[in-house]
Each structure stands twice: as C-alpha cells, then as structure tokens.
Amino acid sequence: MNSDKVLDAKGLACPMPIVRTKKAIDDLQSGQVLEIHATDKGAKADLAAWSNSGGHELLETIEENGVIKFWIKKG
C-alpha cells in the first residue's frame, strides 16, 4: 500500500506510538496516508481507537516478523 509518510515507532511502549502518530499525522494534508511501524502489541487496539475517535480511517493493519504495520488515512 502506498503512503505519504512512514513513522518508525518500533521499540516504543504505550503511549509513545500514539503520541508520535499524532505528531506525524498533523504534518499531513487531509486524505494523505501515514504508514506506522510498531512493535508494541497494544498499538493494535490503541491506534484503531485513536483513528476512529480522531476522524481518521485505519485502512489496513498487517503483522510480519514481529512488526505491526498500520496505514491511516488522515480525515
């Protein structure tokens, strides 16, 4: 999936992946896609809830080799 920006949040524990995601998405225009790479298992539920509450769209989540990748479209 194509993204406009990639955020490396690997090795960060909650709530840092959310904090970094918020900062990164603030730099994007509406409709652009942020790709996030995280290793914190809690990020799955956290980013899904954060996207929904912030008016953004979680497009896809995949996990490979212990890294969870998210694609969030800015609302």
PDB file of N, CA and C in Angstrom:
ATOM      1  N   MET A   1       0.857  -1.182   0.000  1.00  0.00           N
ATOM      2  CA  MET A   1       0.000   0.000   0.000  1.00  0.00           C
ATOM      3  C   MET A   1       0.900   1.242   0.000  1.00  0.00           C
ATOM      4  N   ASN A   2       0.503   2.237  -0.737  1.00  0.00           N
ATOM      5  CA  ASN A   2       1.280   3.476  -0.819  1.00  0.00           C
ATOM      6  C   ASN A   2       1.010   4.354   0.392  1.00  0.00           C
ATOM      7  N   SER A   3       2.050   5.071   0.813  1.00  0.00           N
ATOM      8  CA  SER A   3       1.885   6.004   1.926  1.00  0.00           C
ATOM      9  C   SER A   3       2.637   7.290   1.601  1.00  0.00           C
ATOM     10  N   ASP A   4       2.198   8.376   2.222  1.00  0.00           N
ATOM     11  CA  ASP A   4       2.837   9.673   2.017  1.00  0.00           C
ATOM     12  C   ASP A   4       3.965   9.910   3.010  1.00  0.00           C
ATOM     13  N   LYS A   5       3.914   9.198   4.134  1.00  0.00           N
ATOM     14  CA  LYS A   5       4.929   9.352   5.172  1.00  0.00           C
ATOM     15  C   LYS A   5       5.008   8.056   5.964  1.00  0.00           C
ATOM     16  N   VAL A   6       6.231   7.696   6.412  1.00  0.00           N
ATOM     17  CA  VAL A   6       6.423   6.487   7.216  1.00  0.00           C
ATOM     18  C   VAL A   6       6.925   6.896   8.590  1.00  0.00           C
ATOM     19  N   LEU A   7       6.301   6.355   9.636  1.00  0.00           N
ATOM     20  CA  LEU A   7       6.694   6.618  11.011  1.00  0.00           C
ATOM     21  C   LEU A   7       7.241   5.335  11.618  1.00  0.00           C
ATOM     22  N   ASP A   8       8.471   5.390  12.120  1.00  0.00           N
ATOM     23  CA  ASP A   8       9.087   4.238  12.783  1.00  0.00           C
ATOM     24  C   ASP A   8       8.860   4.370  14.285  1.00  0.00           C
ATOM     25  N   ALA A   9       7.936   3.569  14.818  1.00  0.00           N
ATOM     26  CA  ALA A   9       7.649   3.582  16.253  1.00  0.00           C
ATOM     27  C   ALA A   9       8.049   2.257  16.890  1.00  0.00           C
ATOM     28  N   LYS A  10       8.968   1.528  16.233  1.00  0.00           N
ATOM     29  CA  LYS A  10       9.405   0.229  16.758  1.00  0.00           C
ATOM     30  C   LYS A  10      10.174   0.447  18.059  1.00  0.00           C
ATOM     31  N   GLY A  11       9.934  -0.450  19.025  1.00  0.00           N
ATOM     32  CA  GLY A  11      10.630  -0.385  20.298  1.00  0.00           C
ATOM     33  C   GLY A  11      10.021   0.584  21.297  1.00  0.00           C
ATOM     34  N   LEU A  12       8.994   1.319  20.880  1.00  0.00           N
ATOM     35  CA  LEU A  12       8.348   2.279  21.783  1.00  0.00           C
ATOM     36  C   LEU A  12       7.170   1.629  22.496  1.00  0.00           C
ATOM     37  N   ALA A  13       7.037   1.914  23.781  1.00  0.00           N
ATOM     38  CA  ALA A  13       5.919   1.380  24.560  1.00  0.00           C
ATOM     39  C   ALA A  13       4.810   2.419  24.630  1.00  0.00           C
ATOM     40  N   CYS A  14       3.612   1.940  24.899  1.00  0.00           N
ATOM     41  CA  CYS A  14       2.444   2.800  25.053  1.00  0.00           C
ATOM     42  C   CYS A  14       2.750   3.883  26.082  1.00  0.00           C
ATOM     43  N   PRO A  15       2.412   5.114  25.870  1.00  0.00           N
ATOM     44  CA  PRO A  15       1.583   5.652  24.796  1.00  0.00           C
ATOM     45  C   PRO A  15       2.381   6.276  23.653  1.00  0.00           C
ATOM     46  N   MET A  16       3.701   6.052  23.599  1.00  0.00           N
ATOM     47  CA  MET A  16       4.535   6.750  22.626  1.00  0.00           C
ATOM     48  C   MET A  16       4.150   6.523  21.164  1.00  0.00           C
ATOM     49  N   PRO A  17       3.753   5.306  20.740  1.00  0.00           N
ATOM     50  CA  PRO A  17       3.336   5.172  19.334  1.00  0.00           C
ATOM     51  C   PRO A  17       2.175   6.114  18.971  1.00  0.00           C
ATOM     52  N   ILE A  18       1.236   6.311  19.896  1.00  0.00           N
ATOM     53  CA  ILE A  18       0.106   7.216  19.649  1.00  0.00           C
ATOM     54  C   ILE A  18       0.587   8.665  19.606  1.00  0.00           C
ATOM     55  N   VAL A  19       1.456   9.036  20.541  1.00  0.00           N
ATOM     56  CA  VAL A  19       1.974  10.409  20.598  1.00  0.00           C
ATOM     57  C   VAL A  19       2.707  10.740  19.295  1.00  0.00           C
ATOM     58  N   ARG A  20       3.559   9.825  18.853  1.00  0.00           N
ATOM     59  CA  ARG A  20       4.324  10.055  17.615  1.00  0.00           C
ATOM     60  C   ARG A  20       3.402  10.059  16.389  1.00  0.00           C
ATOM     61  N   THR A  21       2.392   9.197  16.407  1.00  0.00           N
ATOM     62  CA  THR A  21       1.444   9.140  15.292  1.00  0.00           C
ATOM     63  C   THR A  21       0.685  10.460  15.174  1.00  0.00           C
ATOM     64  N   LYS A  22       0.237  10.995  16.307  1.00  0.00           N
ATOM     65  CA  LYS A  22      -0.493  12.262  16.286  1.00  0.00           C
ATOM     66  C   LYS A  22       0.378  13.375  15.707  1.00  0.00           C
ATOM     67  N   LYS A  23       1.640  13.446  16.143  1.00  0.00           N
ATOM     68  CA  LYS A  23       2.558  14.461  15.625  1.00  0.00           C
ATOM     69  C   LYS A  23       2.754  14.309  14.122  1.00  0.00           C
ATOM     70  N   ALA A  24       2.958  13.073  13.677  1.00  0.00           N
ATOM     71  CA  ALA A  24       3.222  12.813  12.259  1.00  0.00           C
ATOM     72  C   ALA A  24       2.003  13.123  11.398  1.00  0.00           C
ATOM     73  N   ILE A  25       0.819  12.766  11.877  1.00  0.00           N
ATOM     74  CA  ILE A  25      -0.389  12.969  11.059  1.00  0.00           C
ATOM     75  C   ILE A  25      -0.748  14.457  10.984  1.00  0.00           C
ATOM     76  N   ASP A  26      -0.343  15.228  11.985  1.00  0.00           N
ATOM     77  CA  ASP A  26      -0.580  16.675  11.955  1.00  0.00           C
ATOM     78  C   ASP A  26       0.149  17.341  10.789  1.00  0.00           C
ATOM     79  N   ASP A  27       1.245  16.728  10.338  1.00  0.00           N
ATOM     80  CA  ASP A  27       2.035  17.273   9.228  1.00  0.00           C
ATOM     81  C   ASP A  27       1.458  16.935   7.856  1.00  0.00           C
ATOM     82  N   LEU A  28       0.459  16.045   7.826  1.00  0.00           N
ATOM     83  CA  LEU A  28      -0.113  15.606   6.554  1.00  0.00           C
ATOM     84  C   LEU A  28      -1.355  16.416   6.196  1.00  0.00           C
ATOM     85  N   GLN A  29      -1.671  16.398   4.910  1.00  0.00           N
ATOM     86  CA  GLN A  29      -2.902  17.019   4.428  1.00  0.00           C
ATOM     87  C   GLN A  29      -4.034  15.990   4.522  1.00  0.00           C
ATOM     88  N   SER A  30      -5.263  16.458   4.580  1.00  0.00           N
ATOM     89  CA  SER A  30      -6.417  15.567   4.605  1.00  0.00           C
ATOM     90  C   SER A  30      -6.381  14.653   3.382  1.00  0.00           C
ATOM     91  N   GLY A  31      -6.591  13.350   3.610  1.00  0.00           N
ATOM     92  CA  GLY A  31      -6.589  12.379   2.516  1.00  0.00           C
ATOM     93  C   GLY A  31      -5.245  11.692   2.319  1.00  0.00           C
ATOM     94  N   GLN A  32      -4.183  12.242   2.913  1.00  0.00           N
ATOM     95  CA  GLN A  32      -2.876  11.593   2.790  1.00  0.00           C
ATOM     96  C   GLN A  32      -2.802  10.411   3.751  1.00  0.00           C
ATOM     97  N   VAL A  33      -1.863   9.479   3.487  1.00  0.00           N
ATOM     98  CA  VAL A  33      -1.771   8.242   4.249  1.00  0.00           C
ATOM     99  C   VAL A  33      -0.455   8.186   5.024  1.00  0.00           C
ATOM    100  N   LEU A  34      -0.575   7.862   6.317  1.00  0.00           N
ATOM    101  CA  LEU A  34       0.582   7.666   7.187  1.00  0.00           C
ATOM    102  C   LEU A  34       0.758   6.173   7.425  1.00  0.00           C
ATOM    103  N   GLU A  35       1.975   5.686   7.227  1.00  0.00           N
ATOM    104  CA  GLU A  35       2.311   4.283   7.498  1.00  0.00           C
ATOM    105  C   GLU A  35       3.097   4.253   8.804  1.00  0.00           C
ATOM    106  N   ILE A  36       2.647   3.431   9.746  1.00  0.00           N
ATOM    107  CA  ILE A  36       3.298   3.337  11.050  1.00  0.00           C
ATOM    108  C   ILE A  36       3.816   1.922  11.251  1.00  0.00           C
ATOM    109  N   HIS A  37       5.059   1.811  11.728  1.00  0.00           N
ATOM    110  CA  HIS A  37       5.649   0.515  12.074  1.00  0.00           C
ATOM    111  C   HIS A  37       5.833   0.494  13.585  1.00  0.00           C
ATOM    112  N   ALA A  38       5.208  -0.468  14.268  1.00  0.00           N
ATOM    113  CA  ALA A  38       5.285  -0.555  15.730  1.00  0.00           C
ATOM    114  C   ALA A  38       5.530  -2.000  16.158  1.00  0.00           C
ATOM    115  N   THR A  39       6.082  -2.157  17.352  1.00  0.00           N
ATOM    116  CA  THR A  39       6.296  -3.499  17.902  1.00  0.00           C
ATOM    117  C   THR A  39       5.460  -3.722  19.161  1.00  0.00           C
ATOM    118  N   ASP A  40       4.859  -2.680  19.695  1.00  0.00           N
ATOM    119  CA  ASP A  40       4.024  -2.776  20.899  1.00  0.00           C
ATOM    120  C   ASP A  40       2.681  -3.390  20.526  1.00  0.00           C
ATOM    121  N   LYS A  41       2.389  -4.566  21.108  1.00  0.00           N
ATOM    122  CA  LYS A  41       1.141  -5.274  20.781  1.00  0.00           C
ATOM    123  C   LYS A  41      -0.093  -4.431  21.092  1.00  0.00           C
ATOM    124  N   GLY A  42      -0.016  -3.577  22.113  1.00  0.00           N
ATOM    125  CA  GLY A  42      -1.142  -2.730  22.483  1.00  0.00           C
ATOM    126  C   GLY A  42      -1.467  -1.683  21.432  1.00  0.00           C
ATOM    127  N   ALA A  43      -0.527  -1.443  20.523  1.00  0.00           N
ATOM    128  CA  ALA A  43      -0.734  -0.426  19.491  1.00  0.00           C
ATOM    129  C   ALA A  43      -1.900  -0.795  18.567  1.00  0.00           C
ATOM    130  N   LYS A  44      -2.159  -2.096  18.411  1.00  0.00           N
ATOM    131  CA  LYS A  44      -3.259  -2.519  17.530  1.00  0.00           C
ATOM    132  C   LYS A  44      -4.581  -1.890  17.970  1.00  0.00           C
ATOM    133  N   ALA A  45      -4.939  -2.100  19.219  1.00  0.00           N
ATOM    134  CA  ALA A  45      -6.199  -1.554  19.739  1.00  0.00           C
ATOM    135  C   ALA A  45      -6.120  -0.036  19.884  1.00  0.00           C
ATOM    136  N   ASP A  46      -4.958   0.445  20.344  1.00  0.00           N
ATOM    137  CA  ASP A  46      -4.801   1.883  20.586  1.00  0.00           C
ATOM    138  C   ASP A  46      -4.933   2.693  19.299  1.00  0.00           C
ATOM    139  N   LEU A  47      -4.240   2.273  18.255  1.00  0.00           N
ATOM    140  CA  LEU A  47      -4.275   3.041  17.002  1.00  0.00           C
ATOM    141  C   LEU A  47      -5.637   2.951  16.317  1.00  0.00           C
ATOM    142  N   ALA A  48      -6.282   1.790  16.437  1.00  0.00           N
ATOM    143  CA  ALA A  48      -7.624   1.649  15.861  1.00  0.00           C
ATOM    144  C   ALA A  48      -8.593   2.608  16.550  1.00  0.00           C
ATOM    145  N   ALA A  49      -8.554   2.644  17.885  1.00  0.00           N
ATOM    146  CA  ALA A  49      -9.451   3.523  18.645  1.00  0.00           C
ATOM    147  C   ALA A  49      -9.108   4.992  18.403  1.00  0.00           C
ATOM    148  N   TRP A  50      -7.809   5.298  18.371  1.00  0.00           N
ATOM    149  CA  TRP A  50      -7.378   6.684  18.160  1.00  0.00           C
ATOM    150  C   TRP A  50      -7.807   7.183  16.779  1.00  0.00           C
ATOM    151  N   SER A  51      -7.644   6.356  15.754  1.00  0.00           N
ATOM    152  CA  SER A  51      -8.037   6.733  14.390  1.00  0.00           C
ATOM    153  C   SER A  51      -9.522   7.049  14.333  1.00  0.00           C
ATOM    154  N   ASN A  52     -10.309   6.166  14.909  1.00  0.00           N
ATOM    155  CA  ASN A  52     -11.760   6.311  14.904  1.00  0.00           C
ATOM    156  C   ASN A  52     -12.189   7.586  15.633  1.00  0.00           C
ATOM    157  N   SER A  53     -11.623   7.824  16.810  1.00  0.00           N
ATOM    158  CA  SER A  53     -12.033   8.987  17.603  1.00  0.00           C
ATOM    159  C   SER A  53     -11.539  10.297  16.991  1.00  0.00           C
ATOM    160  N   GLY A  54     -10.467  10.220  16.192  1.00  0.00           N
ATOM    161  CA  GLY A  54      -9.913  11.430  15.595  1.00  0.00           C
ATOM    162  C   GLY A  54     -10.447  11.745  14.218  1.00  0.00           C
ATOM    163  N   GLY A  55     -11.356  10.903  13.717  1.00  0.00           N
ATOM    164  CA  GLY A  55     -11.926  11.139  12.400  1.00  0.00           C
ATOM    165  C   GLY A  55     -11.042  10.679  11.253  1.00  0.00           C
ATOM    166  N   HIS A  56     -10.068   9.814  11.572  1.00  0.00           N
ATOM    167  CA  HIS A  56      -9.189   9.261  10.548  1.00  0.00           C
ATOM    168  C   HIS A  56      -9.654   7.850  10.202  1.00  0.00           C
ATOM    169  N   GLU A  57      -9.098   7.297   9.119  1.00  0.00           N
ATOM    170  CA  GLU A  57      -9.527   5.970   8.672  1.00  0.00           C
ATOM    171  C   GLU A  57      -8.354   5.010   8.708  1.00  0.00           C
ATOM    172  N   LEU A  58      -8.475   3.942   9.527  1.00  0.00           N
ATOM    173  CA  LEU A  58      -7.467   2.889   9.563  1.00  0.00           C
ATOM    174  C   LEU A  58      -7.714   1.997   8.350  1.00  0.00           C
ATOM    175  N   LEU A  59      -6.838   2.098   7.350  1.00  0.00           N
ATOM    176  CA  LEU A  59      -7.045   1.396   6.086  1.00  0.00           C
ATOM    177  C   LEU A  59      -6.656  -0.072   6.170  1.00  0.00           C
ATOM    178  N   GLU A  60      -5.534  -0.339   6.833  1.00  0.00           N
ATOM    179  CA  GLU A  60      -5.046  -1.715   6.868  1.00  0.00           C
ATOM    180  C   GLU A  60      -4.087  -1.895   8.035  1.00  0.00           C
ATOM    181  N   THR A  61      -4.066  -3.111   8.580  1.00  0.00           N
ATOM    182  CA  THR A  61      -3.109  -3.487   9.623  1.00  0.00           C
ATOM    183  C   THR A  61      -2.576  -4.860   9.265  1.00  0.00           C
ATOM    184  N   ILE A  62      -1.247  -4.993   9.207  1.00  0.00           N
ATOM    185  CA  ILE A  62      -0.639  -6.305   8.983  1.00  0.00           C
ATOM    186  C   ILE A  62       0.495  -6.490   9.981  1.00  0.00           C
ATOM    187  N   GLU A  63       0.788  -7.747  10.286  1.00  0.00           N
ATOM    188  CA  GLU A  63       1.891  -8.043  11.190  1.00  0.00           C
ATOM    189  C   GLU A  63       2.834  -9.000  10.481  1.00  0.00           C
ATOM    190  N   GLU A  64       4.113  -8.629  10.442  1.00  0.00           N
ATOM    191  CA  GLU A  64       5.109  -9.521   9.851  1.00  0.00           C
ATOM    192  C   GLU A  64       6.418  -9.421  10.622  1.00  0.00           C
ATOM    193  N   ASN A  65       6.940 -10.564  11.014  1.00  0.00           N
ATOM    194  CA  ASN A  65       8.203 -10.645  11.752  1.00  0.00           C
ATOM    195  C   ASN A  65       8.209  -9.786  13.018  1.00  0.00           C
ATOM    196  N   GLY A  66       7.092  -9.779  13.736  1.00  0.00           N
ATOM    197  CA  GLY A  66       7.018  -9.037  14.994  1.00  0.00           C
ATOM    198  C   GLY A  66       6.774  -7.544  14.854  1.00  0.00           C
ATOM    199  N   VAL A  67       6.671  -7.050  13.617  1.00  0.00           N
ATOM    200  CA  VAL A  67       6.408  -5.633  13.384  1.00  0.00           C
ATOM    201  C   VAL A  67       4.974  -5.480  12.884  1.00  0.00           C
ATOM    202  N   ILE A  68       4.222  -4.614  13.553  1.00  0.00           N
ATOM    203  CA  ILE A  68       2.840  -4.348  13.148  1.00  0.00           C
ATOM    204  C   ILE A  68       2.868  -3.088  12.292  1.00  0.00           C
ATOM    205  N   LYS A  69       2.283  -3.186  11.101  1.00  0.00           N
ATOM    206  CA  LYS A  69       2.252  -2.043  10.185  1.00  0.00           C
ATOM    207  C   LYS A  69       0.809  -1.570  10.032  1.00  0.00           C
ATOM    208  N   PHE A  70       0.648  -0.268  10.151  1.00  0.00           N
ATOM    209  CA  PHE A  70      -0.667   0.362  10.050  1.00  0.00           C
ATOM    210  C   PHE A  70      -0.628   1.397   8.920  1.00  0.00           C
ATOM    211  N   TRP A  71      -1.748   1.538   8.240  1.00  0.00           N
ATOM    212  CA  TRP A  71      -1.903   2.603   7.261  1.00  0.00           C
ATOM    213  C   TRP A  71      -3.137   3.406   7.676  1.00  0.00           C
ATOM    214  N   ILE A  72      -2.930   4.666   8.005  1.00  0.00           N
ATOM    215  CA  ILE A  72      -4.016   5.526   8.460  1.00  0.00           C
ATOM    216  C   ILE A  72      -4.165   6.699   7.500  1.00  0.00           C
ATOM    217  N   LYS A  73      -5.391   6.873   7.011  1.00  0.00           N
ATOM    218  CA  LYS A  73      -5.695   7.992   6.104  1.00  0.00           C
ATOM    219  C   LYS A  73      -6.213   9.143   6.942  1.00  0.00           C
ATOM    220  N   LYS A  74      -5.583  10.306   6.791  1.00  0.00           N
ATOM    221  CA  LYS A  74      -5.980  11.473   7.561  1.00  0.00           C
ATOM    222  C   LYS A  74      -7.363  11.958   7.154  1.00  0.00           C
ATOM    223  N   GLY A  75      -8.195  12.223   8.151  1.00  0.00           N
ATOM    224  CA  GLY A  75      -9.555  12.675   7.906  1.00  0.00           C
ATOM    225  C   GLY A  75      -9.636  14.161   7.644  1.00  0.00           C
TER     226      GLY A  75
END
